């Protein structure tokens, strides 16, 4: 369904649509390739691995803190915790 609507949108059947497409193409060409700031995906993944190596109990600690906050707010977490 999405493909067919995209295909319908890409029909260039008027001079205005042709000019708009040409303008978009020229603007993209002038802008140049997309350059993302910040670390690349490999560096982000390695940071996560290093964090888990250095903090092996991080998930248990985060879960305990979440449980404390829920209890402090008066939420019933017995169905989640299996209690």
Protein backbone atom coordinates (compact mmCIF):
# COMPACT_ATOMS: atom_id res chain seq x y z
CA UNK A 1 0.00 0.00 0.00
CA UNK A 2 2.73 2.46 0.92
CA UNK A 3 4.59 1.54 -2.24
CA UNK A 4 1.61 2.25 -4.46
CA UNK A 5 0.96 5.64 -2.84
CA UNK A 6 4.67 6.48 -3.21
CA UNK A 7 4.53 5.43 -6.85
CA UNK A 8 1.49 7.67 -7.36
CA UNK A 9 3.27 10.61 -5.72
CA UNK A 10 6.29 10.14 -7.99
CA UNK A 11 4.31 10.54 -11.20
CA UNK A 12 5.73 13.66 -12.83
CA UNK A 13 2.83 14.64 -15.04
CA UNK A 14 2.85 18.44 -14.87
CA UNK A 15 5.49 21.08 -15.58
CA UNK A 16 5.18 22.28 -11.95
CA UNK A 17 5.99 18.82 -10.57
CA UNK A 18 8.97 18.59 -12.92
CA UNK A 19 10.28 22.00 -11.77
CA UNK A 20 9.83 21.04 -8.11
CA UNK A 21 11.72 17.79 -8.61
CA UNK A 22 14.50 19.57 -10.48
CA UNK A 23 14.74 22.23 -7.74
CA UNK A 24 14.93 19.55 -5.05
CA UNK A 25 17.63 17.70 -6.97
CA UNK A 26 19.71 20.86 -7.50
CA UNK A 27 19.37 21.87 -3.84
CA UNK A 28 20.54 18.43 -2.73
CA UNK A 29 23.44 18.52 -5.17
CA UNK A 30 24.47 21.97 -3.91
CA UNK A 31 24.16 20.88 -0.27
CA UNK A 32 26.42 17.90 -0.84
CA UNK A 33 26.53 14.59 0.98
CA UNK A 34 25.00 14.25 4.42
CA UNK A 35 27.66 14.52 7.13
CA UNK A 36 26.61 13.40 10.59
CA UNK A 37 28.29 14.91 13.63
CA UNK A 38 29.45 12.82 16.55
CA UNK A 39 30.69 9.26 16.95
CA UNK A 40 30.04 6.55 14.42
CA UNK A 41 27.93 3.48 15.21
CA UNK A 42 30.94 1.26 15.92
CA UNK A 43 32.18 3.69 18.56
CA UNK A 44 28.73 3.91 20.17
CA UNK A 45 28.46 0.12 20.31
CA UNK A 46 31.94 -0.20 21.80
CA UNK A 47 31.05 2.38 24.48
CA UNK A 48 28.03 0.26 25.41
CA UNK A 49 30.13 -2.91 25.59
CA UNK A 50 32.71 -1.16 27.74
CA UNK A 51 30.00 0.18 30.07
CA UNK A 52 28.55 -3.32 30.52
CA UNK A 53 32.03 -4.76 31.19
CA UNK A 54 32.72 -2.09 33.81
CA UNK A 55 29.22 -2.24 35.35
CA UNK A 56 28.07 -5.88 35.28
CA UNK A 57 25.21 -5.26 37.74
CA UNK A 58 23.84 -2.13 36.05
CA UNK A 59 20.54 -3.73 35.08
CA UNK A 60 19.80 -5.13 38.53
CA UNK A 61 20.63 -1.75 40.06
CA UNK A 62 18.43 0.12 37.57
CA UNK A 63 15.55 -2.32 38.17
CA UNK A 64 15.89 -1.92 41.94
CA UNK A 65 15.80 1.88 41.64
CA UNK A 66 12.74 1.70 39.36
CA UNK A 67 11.03 -0.57 41.89
CA UNK A 68 11.83 1.88 44.71
CA UNK A 69 10.42 4.82 42.71
CA UNK A 70 7.24 2.90 41.85
CA UNK A 71 6.68 1.93 45.47
CA UNK A 72 7.35 5.50 46.61
CA UNK A 73 4.66 6.69 44.17
CA UNK A 74 2.25 4.15 45.60
CA UNK A 75 2.03 2.03 42.46
CA UNK A 76 1.04 -1.62 42.74
CA UNK A 77 3.85 -3.56 41.09
CA UNK A 78 2.97 -7.01 42.41
CA UNK A 79 1.76 -8.18 38.99
CA UNK A 80 5.03 -7.07 37.40
CA UNK A 81 7.30 -8.45 40.10
CA UNK A 82 5.49 -11.76 40.46
CA UNK A 83 4.86 -11.12 44.16
